Amino acid sequence: MKIRHVWQRDFLLAIVRLVAGAYPVWQRPPSTATQTLYFSNHTSHIDTLAILAALPRDVRAVVRPVAARDYWDSGKLKRHIAQNLLNVVLIDRHHESGGDPLEPVRDALAQGHSIILFPEGTRGADALPQPFKSGLFHLANEFPHVALTPVYLENLQRIMPKGAIWPVPLICKVYFGAPEARGEHEDKPAFLTRMRDALVALAPHRPVG
């Protein structure tokens, strides 16, 4: 990454910390030596930025967020942020290209990157995540050596609700859970339910839903 892009990224993440806090809460300290798939609830357009802002700088350097091409490739500024500042893995969530949307994610994992994934597939307005789509299961199956770390974002659905232009002044905490793994002979529904439960367990107030 060019030095000017590093400065721009750090400035952008500093703004996120100023506006939303993005204070990290760790169950286990992070390590650059462990390739990790961070999976999180998805409630706003700044979810990715909040997670990156909460990660230590050395860990952040090896992490690539997964995001929708139709959003991040839709304008010059967003394209610059995605490609040059955040090193985003862009996926075609609407299958317009006819290929497997997960293929770019597989490539990133095969190259040794850690990634950030939102397994709901779309943003939700509730404090608790919607049921997970199958992508997380397939990636865990194909890359069993990659640690699966749940991440719960608190308050972002209130700080930047869907359709909002300006943030509401609330504090966001980013809760990082202990790594999970796929159980031997665990089928897809059981795995996805257990991963969602692991994420929900990080919610500080455990709202019903």
N, C-alpha and C. Protein backbone atom coordinates (compact mmCIF):
# COMPACT_ATOMS: atom_id res chain seq x y z
N MET A 1 0.84 -1.20 0.00
CA MET A 1 0.00 0.00 0.00
C MET A 1 0.88 1.25 0.00
N LYS A 2 0.56 2.20 -0.86
CA LYS A 2 1.33 3.45 -0.92
C LYS A 2 1.17 4.22 0.38
N ILE A 3 2.22 4.95 0.74
CA ILE A 3 2.22 5.63 2.03
C ILE A 3 1.08 6.64 2.14
N ARG A 4 0.73 7.30 1.03
CA ARG A 4 -0.36 8.28 1.10
C ARG A 4 -1.69 7.58 1.35
N HIS A 5 -1.81 6.34 0.84
CA HIS A 5 -3.04 5.58 1.07
C HIS A 5 -3.11 5.10 2.52
N VAL A 6 -1.95 4.79 3.11
CA VAL A 6 -1.92 4.42 4.53
C VAL A 6 -2.38 5.60 5.37
N TRP A 7 -1.90 6.77 5.07
CA TRP A 7 -2.31 7.96 5.81
C TRP A 7 -3.81 8.23 5.64
N GLN A 8 -4.29 8.09 4.41
CA GLN A 8 -5.72 8.31 4.17
C GLN A 8 -6.57 7.29 4.92
N ARG A 9 -6.13 6.02 4.92
CA ARG A 9 -6.87 4.99 5.65
C ARG A 9 -6.89 5.29 7.14
N ASP A 10 -5.73 5.63 7.69
CA ASP A 10 -5.66 5.90 9.12
C ASP A 10 -6.50 7.12 9.50
N PHE A 11 -6.55 8.12 8.62
CA PHE A 11 -7.37 9.30 8.87
C PHE A 11 -8.86 8.92 8.84
N LEU A 12 -9.24 8.10 7.88
CA LEU A 12 -10.63 7.65 7.78
C LEU A 12 -11.04 6.87 9.02
N LEU A 13 -10.19 5.96 9.47
CA LEU A 13 -10.50 5.16 10.66
C LEU A 13 -10.50 6.01 11.92
N ALA A 14 -9.67 7.06 11.95
CA ALA A 14 -9.67 7.98 13.09
C ALA A 14 -11.01 8.71 13.18
N ILE A 15 -11.58 9.06 12.03
CA ILE A 15 -12.90 9.69 12.02
C ILE A 15 -13.95 8.73 12.56
N VAL A 16 -13.86 7.46 12.15
CA VAL A 16 -14.80 6.45 12.65
C VAL A 16 -14.71 6.34 14.17
N ARG A 17 -13.50 6.32 14.71
CA ARG A 17 -13.34 6.24 16.16
C ARG A 17 -13.91 7.48 16.85
N LEU A 18 -13.73 8.65 16.22
CA LEU A 18 -14.24 9.89 16.79
C LEU A 18 -15.76 9.89 16.80
N VAL A 19 -16.37 9.41 15.73
CA VAL A 19 -17.83 9.45 15.59
C VAL A 19 -18.50 8.32 16.36
N ALA A 20 -17.95 7.11 16.25
CA ALA A 20 -18.64 5.93 16.78
C ALA A 20 -17.93 5.26 17.94
N GLY A 21 -16.70 5.59 18.19
CA GLY A 21 -15.96 4.94 19.26
C GLY A 21 -15.20 3.72 18.76
N ALA A 22 -15.95 2.69 18.36
CA ALA A 22 -15.37 1.42 17.87
C ALA A 22 -14.34 0.88 18.86
N TYR A 23 -14.74 0.85 20.14
CA TYR A 23 -13.83 0.37 21.17
C TYR A 23 -13.79 -1.17 21.17
N PRO A 24 -12.60 -1.77 21.07
CA PRO A 24 -12.52 -3.23 21.04
C PRO A 24 -12.66 -3.86 22.41
N VAL A 25 -13.35 -4.99 22.46
CA VAL A 25 -13.44 -5.82 23.67
C VAL A 25 -13.05 -7.23 23.24
N TRP A 26 -11.91 -7.72 23.74
CA TRP A 26 -11.36 -8.99 23.29
C TRP A 26 -11.55 -10.08 24.33
N GLN A 27 -12.02 -11.25 23.90
CA GLN A 27 -11.97 -12.43 24.76
C GLN A 27 -10.60 -13.08 24.71
N ARG A 28 -9.89 -12.89 23.59
CA ARG A 28 -8.55 -13.43 23.43
C ARG A 28 -7.75 -12.45 22.58
N PRO A 29 -6.54 -12.09 22.99
CA PRO A 29 -5.75 -11.12 22.23
C PRO A 29 -5.52 -11.58 20.78
N PRO A 30 -5.57 -10.67 19.82
CA PRO A 30 -5.36 -11.04 18.42
C PRO A 30 -3.89 -11.29 18.11
N SER A 31 -3.65 -12.00 17.01
CA SER A 31 -2.28 -12.29 16.60
C SER A 31 -2.18 -12.27 15.09
N THR A 32 -1.14 -11.65 14.58
CA THR A 32 -0.93 -11.64 13.13
C THR A 32 -0.52 -13.02 12.63
N ALA A 33 -0.09 -13.89 13.55
CA ALA A 33 0.36 -15.23 13.15
C ALA A 33 -0.80 -16.17 12.85
N THR A 34 -2.01 -15.80 13.25
CA THR A 34 -3.18 -16.65 13.07
C THR A 34 -4.06 -16.11 11.95
N GLN A 35 -4.17 -16.85 10.86
CA GLN A 35 -5.08 -16.45 9.79
C GLN A 35 -6.51 -16.61 10.30
N THR A 36 -7.31 -15.57 10.13
CA THR A 36 -8.62 -15.53 10.78
C THR A 36 -9.71 -15.08 9.82
N LEU A 37 -10.86 -15.70 9.96
CA LEU A 37 -12.07 -15.24 9.29
C LEU A 37 -12.95 -14.62 10.37
N TYR A 38 -13.02 -13.30 10.38
CA TYR A 38 -13.88 -12.58 11.31
C TYR A 38 -15.28 -12.51 10.72
N PHE A 39 -16.29 -13.02 11.45
CA PHE A 39 -17.66 -12.94 10.94
C PHE A 39 -18.51 -12.14 11.92
N SER A 40 -19.31 -11.22 11.36
CA SER A 40 -19.96 -10.21 12.17
C SER A 40 -21.41 -9.99 11.77
N ASN A 41 -22.18 -9.42 12.71
CA ASN A 41 -23.51 -8.92 12.35
C ASN A 41 -23.35 -7.70 11.45
N HIS A 42 -24.40 -7.42 10.66
CA HIS A 42 -24.31 -6.39 9.61
C HIS A 42 -25.50 -5.45 9.73
N THR A 43 -25.22 -4.21 10.18
CA THR A 43 -26.32 -3.29 10.44
C THR A 43 -26.17 -1.92 9.78
N SER A 44 -24.99 -1.60 9.25
CA SER A 44 -24.80 -0.27 8.66
C SER A 44 -23.66 -0.30 7.65
N HIS A 45 -23.51 0.80 6.92
CA HIS A 45 -22.45 0.90 5.93
C HIS A 45 -21.07 1.11 6.57
N ILE A 46 -21.03 1.43 7.86
CA ILE A 46 -19.73 1.64 8.49
C ILE A 46 -19.29 0.44 9.33
N ASP A 47 -19.98 -0.69 9.20
CA ASP A 47 -19.61 -1.89 9.97
C ASP A 47 -18.16 -2.30 9.70
N THR A 48 -17.80 -2.37 8.42
CA THR A 48 -16.44 -2.76 8.05
C THR A 48 -15.42 -1.79 8.64
N LEU A 49 -15.69 -0.51 8.55
CA LEU A 49 -14.77 0.50 9.07
C LEU A 49 -14.63 0.39 10.58
N ALA A 50 -15.73 0.09 11.27
CA ALA A 50 -15.68 -0.04 12.73
C ALA A 50 -14.81 -1.21 13.15
N ILE A 51 -14.93 -2.35 12.46
CA ILE A 51 -14.11 -3.51 12.79
C ILE A 51 -12.64 -3.21 12.53
N LEU A 52 -12.34 -2.62 11.37
CA LEU A 52 -10.95 -2.28 11.06
C LEU A 52 -10.39 -1.27 12.06
N ALA A 53 -11.21 -0.31 12.47
CA ALA A 53 -10.75 0.69 13.44
C ALA A 53 -10.45 0.05 14.79
N ALA A 54 -11.17 -1.05 15.12
CA ALA A 54 -10.97 -1.71 16.41
C ALA A 54 -9.76 -2.65 16.41
N LEU A 55 -9.34 -3.10 15.25
CA LEU A 55 -8.22 -4.04 15.17
C LEU A 55 -6.88 -3.31 15.38
N PRO A 56 -5.91 -3.96 16.03
CA PRO A 56 -4.57 -3.37 16.12
C PRO A 56 -4.00 -3.17 14.72
N ARG A 57 -3.15 -2.19 14.57
CA ARG A 57 -2.67 -1.81 13.25
C ARG A 57 -1.94 -2.96 12.55
N ASP A 58 -1.14 -3.75 13.28
CA ASP A 58 -0.41 -4.83 12.63
C ASP A 58 -1.35 -5.94 12.17
N VAL A 59 -2.43 -6.18 12.92
CA VAL A 59 -3.42 -7.18 12.52
C VAL A 59 -4.22 -6.67 11.33
N ARG A 60 -4.59 -5.41 11.39
CA ARG A 60 -5.38 -4.79 10.31
C ARG A 60 -4.66 -4.90 8.97
N ALA A 61 -3.34 -4.87 8.99
CA ALA A 61 -2.55 -4.88 7.76
C ALA A 61 -2.71 -6.16 6.96
N VAL A 62 -3.13 -7.26 7.60
CA VAL A 62 -3.26 -8.53 6.89
C VAL A 62 -4.72 -8.93 6.69
N VAL A 63 -5.64 -8.01 6.99
CA VAL A 63 -7.08 -8.30 6.90
C VAL A 63 -7.68 -7.65 5.66
N ARG A 64 -8.50 -8.42 4.95
CA ARG A 64 -9.24 -7.89 3.80
C ARG A 64 -10.74 -8.06 4.04
N PRO A 65 -11.50 -6.98 4.07
CA PRO A 65 -12.95 -7.09 4.23
C PRO A 65 -13.61 -7.59 2.95
N VAL A 66 -14.69 -8.34 3.11
CA VAL A 66 -15.50 -8.78 1.98
C VAL A 66 -16.70 -7.84 1.88
N ALA A 67 -16.96 -7.32 0.68
CA ALA A 67 -18.04 -6.35 0.52
C ALA A 67 -18.66 -6.48 -0.87
N ALA A 68 -19.85 -5.90 -0.99
CA ALA A 68 -20.62 -6.02 -2.23
C ALA A 68 -20.08 -5.10 -3.31
N ARG A 69 -19.84 -5.67 -4.48
CA ARG A 69 -19.32 -4.89 -5.61
C ARG A 69 -20.30 -3.81 -6.04
N ASP A 70 -21.60 -4.10 -6.03
CA ASP A 70 -22.58 -3.12 -6.53
C ASP A 70 -22.60 -1.85 -5.68
N TYR A 71 -22.18 -1.93 -4.40
CA TYR A 71 -22.13 -0.73 -3.56
C TYR A 71 -20.77 -0.04 -3.67
N TRP A 72 -19.69 -0.80 -3.45
CA TRP A 72 -18.36 -0.19 -3.35
C TRP A 72 -17.75 0.14 -4.70
N ASP A 73 -18.33 -0.36 -5.78
CA ASP A 73 -17.80 -0.06 -7.12
C ASP A 73 -18.72 0.90 -7.87
N SER A 74 -19.58 1.61 -7.12
CA SER A 74 -20.60 2.44 -7.77
C SER A 74 -20.23 3.92 -7.88
N GLY A 75 -19.07 4.30 -7.40
CA GLY A 75 -18.66 5.69 -7.50
C GLY A 75 -17.16 5.81 -7.31
N LYS A 76 -16.59 6.90 -7.79
CA LYS A 76 -15.13 7.08 -7.76
C LYS A 76 -14.58 7.06 -6.35
N LEU A 77 -15.24 7.78 -5.41
CA LEU A 77 -14.74 7.86 -4.04
C LEU A 77 -14.83 6.50 -3.35
N LYS A 78 -15.97 5.84 -3.46
CA LYS A 78 -16.13 4.54 -2.83
C LYS A 78 -15.17 3.52 -3.43
N ARG A 79 -14.96 3.60 -4.73
CA ARG A 79 -14.03 2.68 -5.39
C ARG A 79 -12.60 2.92 -4.87
N HIS A 80 -12.23 4.18 -4.69
CA HIS A 80 -10.90 4.51 -4.16
C HIS A 80 -10.73 3.96 -2.75
N ILE A 81 -11.75 4.15 -1.91
CA ILE A 81 -11.67 3.65 -0.53
C ILE A 81 -11.55 2.14 -0.52
N ALA A 82 -12.38 1.47 -1.32
CA ALA A 82 -12.40 0.01 -1.34
C ALA A 82 -11.09 -0.58 -1.85
N GLN A 83 -10.61 -0.05 -2.96
CA GLN A 83 -9.44 -0.63 -3.63
C GLN A 83 -8.12 -0.19 -3.02
N ASN A 84 -7.99 1.10 -2.73
CA ASN A 84 -6.69 1.64 -2.33
C ASN A 84 -6.49 1.76 -0.82
N LEU A 85 -7.58 1.94 -0.07
CA LEU A 85 -7.43 2.15 1.37
C LEU A 85 -7.72 0.89 2.18
N LEU A 86 -8.76 0.13 1.79
CA LEU A 86 -9.21 -1.00 2.61
C LEU A 86 -8.87 -2.36 2.02
N ASN A 87 -8.39 -2.40 0.78
CA ASN A 87 -8.04 -3.67 0.13
C ASN A 87 -9.21 -4.65 0.18
N VAL A 88 -10.37 -4.18 -0.20
CA VAL A 88 -11.61 -4.95 -0.09
C VAL A 88 -11.64 -6.09 -1.12
N VAL A 89 -12.19 -7.23 -0.70
CA VAL A 89 -12.52 -8.32 -1.61
C VAL A 89 -13.94 -8.07 -2.10
N LEU A 90 -14.08 -7.66 -3.34
CA LEU A 90 -15.40 -7.34 -3.88
C LEU A 90 -16.06 -8.61 -4.42
N ILE A 91 -17.32 -8.81 -4.04
CA ILE A 91 -18.06 -9.99 -4.51
C ILE A 91 -19.34 -9.55 -5.21
N ASP A 92 -19.78 -10.38 -6.12
CA ASP A 92 -21.00 -10.14 -6.88
C ASP A 92 -22.15 -10.85 -6.18
N ARG A 93 -22.80 -10.15 -5.24
CA ARG A 93 -23.82 -10.81 -4.43
C ARG A 93 -25.10 -11.09 -5.21
N HIS A 94 -25.28 -10.46 -6.37
CA HIS A 94 -26.48 -10.69 -7.17
C HIS A 94 -26.25 -11.68 -8.31
N HIS A 95 -25.08 -12.31 -8.33
CA HIS A 95 -24.74 -13.35 -9.32
C HIS A 95 -24.85 -12.84 -10.76
N GLU A 96 -24.59 -11.54 -10.97
CA GLU A 96 -24.74 -10.98 -12.30
C GLU A 96 -23.68 -11.51 -13.26
N SER A 97 -22.51 -11.87 -12.72
CA SER A 97 -21.44 -12.37 -13.59
C SER A 97 -21.61 -13.83 -13.94
N GLY A 98 -22.49 -14.52 -13.23
CA GLY A 98 -22.71 -15.93 -13.50
C GLY A 98 -21.74 -16.85 -12.79
N GLY A 99 -20.72 -16.31 -12.12
CA GLY A 99 -19.74 -17.14 -11.42
C GLY A 99 -20.11 -17.31 -9.95
N ASP A 100 -19.23 -17.98 -9.21
CA ASP A 100 -19.43 -18.19 -7.78
C ASP A 100 -18.99 -16.93 -7.04
N PRO A 101 -19.90 -16.27 -6.30
CA PRO A 101 -19.52 -15.04 -5.60
C PRO A 101 -18.40 -15.25 -4.58
N LEU A 102 -18.23 -16.47 -4.09
CA LEU A 102 -17.22 -16.72 -3.07
C LEU A 102 -15.81 -16.91 -3.64
N GLU A 103 -15.69 -17.00 -4.96
CA GLU A 103 -14.38 -17.29 -5.54
C GLU A 103 -13.31 -16.26 -5.17
N PRO A 104 -13.61 -14.95 -5.20
CA PRO A 104 -12.58 -13.97 -4.78
C PRO A 104 -12.20 -14.13 -3.31
N VAL A 105 -13.15 -14.57 -2.48
CA VAL A 105 -12.85 -14.78 -1.06
C VAL A 105 -11.93 -15.99 -0.91
N ARG A 106 -12.20 -17.03 -1.65
CA ARG A 106 -11.32 -18.20 -1.62
C ARG A 106 -9.89 -17.81 -2.04
N ASP A 107 -9.79 -16.99 -3.06
CA ASP A 107 -8.47 -16.56 -3.53
C ASP A 107 -7.72 -15.80 -2.43
N ALA A 108 -8.44 -14.92 -1.73
CA ALA A 108 -7.81 -14.14 -0.66
C ALA A 108 -7.35 -15.05 0.47
N LEU A 109 -8.17 -16.02 0.84
CA LEU A 109 -7.79 -16.95 1.90
C LEU A 109 -6.62 -17.83 1.47
N ALA A 110 -6.64 -18.26 0.22
CA ALA A 110 -5.55 -19.09 -0.30
C ALA A 110 -4.23 -18.34 -0.31
N GLN A 111 -4.29 -17.02 -0.45
CA GLN A 111 -3.08 -16.19 -0.45
C GLN A 111 -2.60 -15.86 0.97
N GLY A 112 -3.35 -16.32 1.98
CA GLY A 112 -2.93 -16.13 3.36
C GLY A 112 -3.53 -14.94 4.08
N HIS A 113 -4.45 -14.22 3.43
CA HIS A 113 -5.07 -13.08 4.09
C HIS A 113 -6.11 -13.54 5.11
N SER A 114 -6.29 -12.74 6.15
CA SER A 114 -7.47 -12.85 6.99
C SER A 114 -8.58 -12.04 6.34
N ILE A 115 -9.83 -12.36 6.65
CA ILE A 115 -10.93 -11.63 6.02
C ILE A 115 -12.01 -11.28 7.05
N ILE A 116 -12.83 -10.31 6.68
CA ILE A 116 -14.02 -9.93 7.44
C ILE A 116 -15.22 -10.26 6.58
N LEU A 117 -16.16 -11.02 7.14
CA LEU A 117 -17.32 -11.49 6.38
C LEU A 117 -18.59 -11.20 7.18
N PHE A 118 -19.65 -10.84 6.46
CA PHE A 118 -20.96 -10.63 7.08
C PHE A 118 -21.88 -11.74 6.58
N PRO A 119 -22.03 -12.83 7.35
CA PRO A 119 -22.71 -14.02 6.83
C PRO A 119 -24.22 -13.89 6.68
N GLU A 120 -24.81 -12.77 7.16
CA GLU A 120 -26.24 -12.57 6.89
C GLU A 120 -26.48 -12.26 5.41
N GLY A 121 -25.48 -11.71 4.76
CA GLY A 121 -25.58 -11.41 3.34
C GLY A 121 -26.15 -10.05 3.02
N THR A 122 -26.84 -9.42 3.97
CA THR A 122 -27.41 -8.10 3.77
C THR A 122 -27.57 -7.43 5.12
N ARG A 123 -27.76 -6.14 5.12
CA ARG A 123 -27.91 -5.43 6.39
C ARG A 123 -29.27 -5.67 7.01
N GLY A 124 -29.29 -5.69 8.34
CA GLY A 124 -30.53 -5.81 9.08
C GLY A 124 -30.69 -4.63 10.03
N ALA A 125 -31.92 -4.39 10.48
CA ALA A 125 -32.19 -3.26 11.36
C ALA A 125 -32.22 -3.65 12.83
N ASP A 126 -32.15 -4.95 13.13
CA ASP A 126 -32.28 -5.42 14.50
C ASP A 126 -30.92 -5.56 15.17
N ALA A 127 -30.94 -5.60 16.50
CA ALA A 127 -29.70 -5.74 17.25
C ALA A 127 -29.08 -7.12 17.07
N LEU A 128 -29.90 -8.13 16.84
CA LEU A 128 -29.39 -9.48 16.64
C LEU A 128 -29.40 -9.84 15.17
N PRO A 129 -28.45 -10.67 14.74
CA PRO A 129 -28.32 -10.99 13.31
C PRO A 129 -29.45 -11.88 12.81
N GLN A 130 -29.70 -11.78 11.51
CA GLN A 130 -30.61 -12.67 10.84
C GLN A 130 -29.92 -14.03 10.67
N PRO A 131 -30.68 -15.07 10.26
CA PRO A 131 -30.03 -16.36 9.99
C PRO A 131 -28.90 -16.22 8.98
N PHE A 132 -27.85 -17.00 9.18
CA PHE A 132 -26.68 -16.93 8.31
C PHE A 132 -26.91 -17.68 7.00
N LYS A 133 -26.35 -17.13 5.94
CA LYS A 133 -26.34 -17.82 4.65
C LYS A 133 -25.20 -18.84 4.63
N SER A 134 -25.15 -19.64 3.59
CA SER A 134 -24.29 -20.82 3.58
C SER A 134 -22.81 -20.54 3.34
N GLY A 135 -22.45 -19.32 2.93
CA GLY A 135 -21.07 -19.03 2.56
C GLY A 135 -20.08 -19.32 3.67
N LEU A 136 -20.42 -18.98 4.91
CA LEU A 136 -19.52 -19.22 6.03
C LEU A 136 -19.23 -20.71 6.18
N PHE A 137 -20.23 -21.53 6.01
CA PHE A 137 -20.06 -22.99 6.12
C PHE A 137 -19.09 -23.50 5.05
N HIS A 138 -19.28 -23.06 3.81
CA HIS A 138 -18.43 -23.55 2.72
C HIS A 138 -16.97 -23.12 2.92
N LEU A 139 -16.76 -21.89 3.37
CA LEU A 139 -15.39 -21.41 3.58
C LEU A 139 -14.73 -22.14 4.75
N ALA A 140 -15.48 -22.38 5.82
CA ALA A 140 -14.94 -23.11 6.96
C ALA A 140 -14.58 -24.53 6.56
N ASN A 141 -15.37 -25.11 5.68
CA ASN A 141 -15.14 -26.47 5.22
C ASN A 141 -13.88 -26.55 4.35
N GLU A 142 -13.68 -25.55 3.50
CA GLU A 142 -12.58 -25.57 2.54
C GLU A 142 -11.26 -25.07 3.14
N PHE A 143 -11.34 -24.29 4.23
CA PHE A 143 -10.14 -23.74 4.86
C PHE A 143 -10.18 -24.04 6.37
N PRO A 144 -10.07 -25.31 6.73
CA PRO A 144 -10.23 -25.69 8.14
C PRO A 144 -9.14 -25.13 9.06
N HIS A 145 -8.01 -24.70 8.50
CA HIS A 145 -6.92 -24.16 9.33
C HIS A 145 -7.18 -22.71 9.73
N VAL A 146 -8.16 -22.04 9.12
CA VAL A 146 -8.43 -20.63 9.40
C VAL A 146 -9.33 -20.51 10.63
N ALA A 147 -8.91 -19.71 11.59
CA ALA A 147 -9.70 -19.50 12.80
C ALA A 147 -10.97 -18.73 12.47
N LEU A 148 -12.07 -19.10 13.11
CA LEU A 148 -13.36 -18.44 12.90
C LEU A 148 -13.68 -17.61 14.15
N THR A 149 -13.60 -16.30 14.03
CA THR A 149 -13.78 -15.43 15.18
C THR A 149 -15.05 -14.60 15.04
N PRO A 150 -16.03 -14.81 15.94
CA PRO A 150 -17.25 -13.98 15.89
C PRO A 150 -16.98 -12.57 16.38
N VAL A 151 -17.65 -11.60 15.75
CA VAL A 151 -17.49 -10.19 16.11
C VAL A 151 -18.88 -9.58 16.23
N TYR A 152 -19.19 -9.04 17.39
CA TYR A 152 -20.49 -8.40 17.57
C TYR A 152 -20.32 -6.89 17.63
N LEU A 153 -21.03 -6.20 16.74
CA LEU A 153 -21.02 -4.74 16.70
C LEU A 153 -22.22 -4.21 17.48
N GLU A 154 -21.93 -3.47 18.53
CA GLU A 154 -22.99 -2.93 19.38
C GLU A 154 -23.34 -1.50 18.97
N ASN A 155 -24.62 -1.25 18.78
CA ASN A 155 -25.17 0.10 18.58
C ASN A 155 -25.03 0.67 17.18
N LEU A 156 -24.34 0.01 16.25
CA LEU A 156 -24.18 0.63 14.93
C LEU A 156 -25.50 0.77 14.19
N GLN A 157 -26.47 -0.13 14.47
CA GLN A 157 -27.77 0.02 13.82
C GLN A 157 -28.51 1.24 14.34
N ARG A 158 -28.06 1.77 15.49
CA ARG A 158 -28.65 3.00 16.05
C ARG A 158 -27.82 4.22 15.69
N ILE A 159 -26.50 4.04 15.57
CA ILE A 159 -25.63 5.17 15.22
C ILE A 159 -25.82 5.56 13.75
N MET A 160 -25.89 4.55 12.87
CA MET A 160 -26.11 4.81 11.44
C MET A 160 -27.24 3.91 10.94
N PRO A 161 -28.51 4.25 11.31
CA PRO A 161 -29.62 3.43 10.84
C PRO A 161 -29.76 3.51 9.32
N LYS A 162 -30.40 2.52 8.75
CA LYS A 162 -30.54 2.45 7.30
C LYS A 162 -31.19 3.72 6.78
N GLY A 163 -30.56 4.33 5.78
CA GLY A 163 -31.09 5.55 5.18
C GLY A 163 -30.59 6.82 5.84
N ALA A 164 -29.86 6.71 6.96
CA ALA A 164 -29.38 7.90 7.66
C ALA A 164 -28.21 8.54 6.92
N ILE A 165 -28.13 9.87 6.99
CA ILE A 165 -27.03 10.62 6.40
C ILE A 165 -26.02 11.01 7.47
N TRP A 166 -26.51 11.41 8.64
CA TRP A 166 -25.65 11.82 9.73
C TRP A 166 -25.75 10.83 10.88
N PRO A 167 -24.63 10.54 11.55
CA PRO A 167 -24.65 9.58 12.65
C PRO A 167 -25.30 10.13 13.91
N VAL A 168 -25.90 9.24 14.69
CA VAL A 168 -26.45 9.57 15.99
C VAL A 168 -25.31 9.44 17.01
N PRO A 169 -25.14 10.38 17.93
CA PRO A 169 -23.99 10.34 18.86
C PRO A 169 -24.16 9.27 19.94
N LEU A 170 -23.81 8.05 19.61
CA LEU A 170 -23.79 6.94 20.56
C LEU A 170 -22.43 6.26 20.47
N ILE A 171 -22.15 5.41 21.43
CA ILE A 171 -20.86 4.72 21.47
C ILE A 171 -21.02 3.29 20.97
N CYS A 172 -20.13 2.88 20.07
CA CYS A 172 -20.09 1.50 19.56
C CYS A 172 -18.93 0.76 20.20
N LYS A 173 -19.21 -0.44 20.69
CA LYS A 173 -18.15 -1.36 21.11
C LYS A 173 -18.11 -2.53 20.13
N VAL A 174 -16.91 -3.02 19.89
CA VAL A 174 -16.70 -4.13 18.97
C VAL A 174 -16.22 -5.32 19.79
N TYR A 175 -17.08 -6.33 19.95
CA TYR A 175 -16.78 -7.48 20.80
C TYR A 175 -16.22 -8.62 19.94
N PHE A 176 -14.99 -9.02 20.23
CA PHE A 176 -14.34 -10.11 19.52
C PHE A 176 -14.38 -11.36 20.40
N GLY A 177 -15.01 -12.43 19.89
CA GLY A 177 -15.12 -13.66 20.66
C GLY A 177 -13.92 -14.56 20.49
N ALA A 178 -13.93 -15.67 21.23
CA ALA A 178 -12.89 -16.69 21.08
C ALA A 178 -13.10 -17.43 19.76
N PRO A 179 -12.03 -17.91 19.14
CA PRO A 179 -12.17 -18.62 17.86
C PRO A 179 -13.05 -19.86 17.97
N GLU A 180 -13.85 -20.07 16.93
CA GLU A 180 -14.71 -21.24 16.80
C GLU A 180 -14.12 -22.16 15.73
N ALA A 181 -14.68 -23.35 15.60
CA ALA A 181 -14.26 -24.28 14.56
C ALA A 181 -15.44 -25.16 14.18
N ARG A 182 -15.40 -25.69 12.98
CA ARG A 182 -16.45 -26.61 12.57
C ARG A 182 -16.24 -27.95 13.27
N GLY A 183 -17.30 -28.49 13.86
CA GLY A 183 -17.21 -29.78 14.51
C GLY A 183 -17.14 -30.91 13.50
N GLU A 184 -16.52 -31.99 13.89
CA GLU A 184 -16.41 -33.14 13.00
C GLU A 184 -17.80 -33.67 12.68
N HIS A 185 -18.07 -33.85 11.40
CA HIS A 185 -19.35 -34.37 10.89
C HIS A 185 -20.52 -33.40 11.15
N GLU A 186 -20.22 -32.13 11.47
CA GLU A 186 -21.27 -31.16 11.72
C GLU A 186 -21.87 -30.71 10.39
N ASP A 187 -23.20 -30.80 10.26
CA ASP A 187 -23.82 -30.43 9.00
C ASP A 187 -24.04 -28.91 8.92
N LYS A 188 -24.44 -28.46 7.75
CA LYS A 188 -24.55 -27.02 7.50
C LYS A 188 -25.54 -26.32 8.44
N PRO A 189 -26.78 -26.79 8.59
CA PRO A 189 -27.71 -26.07 9.49
C PRO A 189 -27.19 -25.98 10.93
N ALA A 190 -26.63 -27.07 11.44
CA ALA A 190 -26.13 -27.06 12.82
C ALA A 190 -24.96 -26.10 12.97
N PHE A 191 -24.06 -26.11 11.98
CA PHE A 191 -22.90 -25.23 12.03
C PHE A 191 -23.32 -23.77 12.00
N LEU A 192 -24.19 -23.41 11.06
CA LEU A 192 -24.59 -22.02 10.93
C LEU A 192 -25.35 -21.54 12.15
N THR A 193 -26.17 -22.40 12.73
CA THR A 193 -26.89 -22.04 13.96
C THR A 193 -25.92 -21.82 15.10
N ARG A 194 -24.91 -22.68 15.22
CA ARG A 194 -23.94 -22.56 16.31
C ARG A 194 -23.08 -21.31 16.14
N MET A 195 -22.71 -20.97 14.90
CA MET A 195 -21.93 -19.76 14.67
C MET A 195 -22.75 -18.51 15.00
N ARG A 196 -24.01 -18.52 14.61
CA ARG A 196 -24.87 -17.38 14.96
C ARG A 196 -25.03 -17.27 16.47
N ASP A 197 -25.20 -18.40 17.14
CA ASP A 197 -25.33 -18.39 18.60
C ASP A 197 -24.06 -17.85 19.26
N ALA A 198 -22.90 -18.18 18.70
CA ALA A 198 -21.63 -17.69 19.25
C ALA A 198 -21.54 -16.17 19.10
N LEU A 199 -22.06 -15.65 18.00
CA LEU A 199 -22.05 -14.21 17.79
C LEU A 199 -23.05 -13.54 18.74
N VAL A 200 -24.26 -14.11 18.84
CA VAL A 200 -25.29 -13.55 19.71
C VAL A 200 -24.82 -13.53 21.17
N ALA A 201 -24.06 -14.55 21.55
CA ALA A 201 -23.58 -14.63 22.94
C ALA A 201 -22.67 -13.46 23.31
N LEU A 202 -22.12 -12.78 22.32
CA LEU A 202 -21.26 -11.63 22.59
C LEU A 202 -22.06 -10.35 22.87
N ALA A 203 -23.33 -10.35 22.48
CA ALA A 203 -24.16 -9.15 22.69
C ALA A 203 -24.27 -8.86 24.18
N PRO A 204 -23.92 -7.64 24.62
CA PRO A 204 -23.85 -7.37 26.07
C PRO A 204 -25.19 -7.45 26.78
N HIS A 205 -26.27 -7.15 26.08
CA HIS A 205 -27.58 -7.15 26.73
C HIS A 205 -28.49 -8.28 26.26
N ARG A 206 -28.01 -9.04 25.27
CA ARG A 206 -28.75 -10.19 24.74
C ARG A 206 -30.23 -9.86 24.47
N PRO A 207 -30.52 -8.89 23.58
CA PRO A 207 -31.93 -8.60 23.26
C PRO A 207 -32.59 -9.82 22.66
N VAL A 208 -33.86 -9.97 22.89
CA VAL A 208 -34.60 -11.11 22.39
C VAL A 208 -34.83 -10.95 20.90
N GLY A 209 -34.58 -12.02 20.11
CA GLY A 209 -34.82 -11.94 18.67
C GLY A 209 -34.05 -12.99 17.94
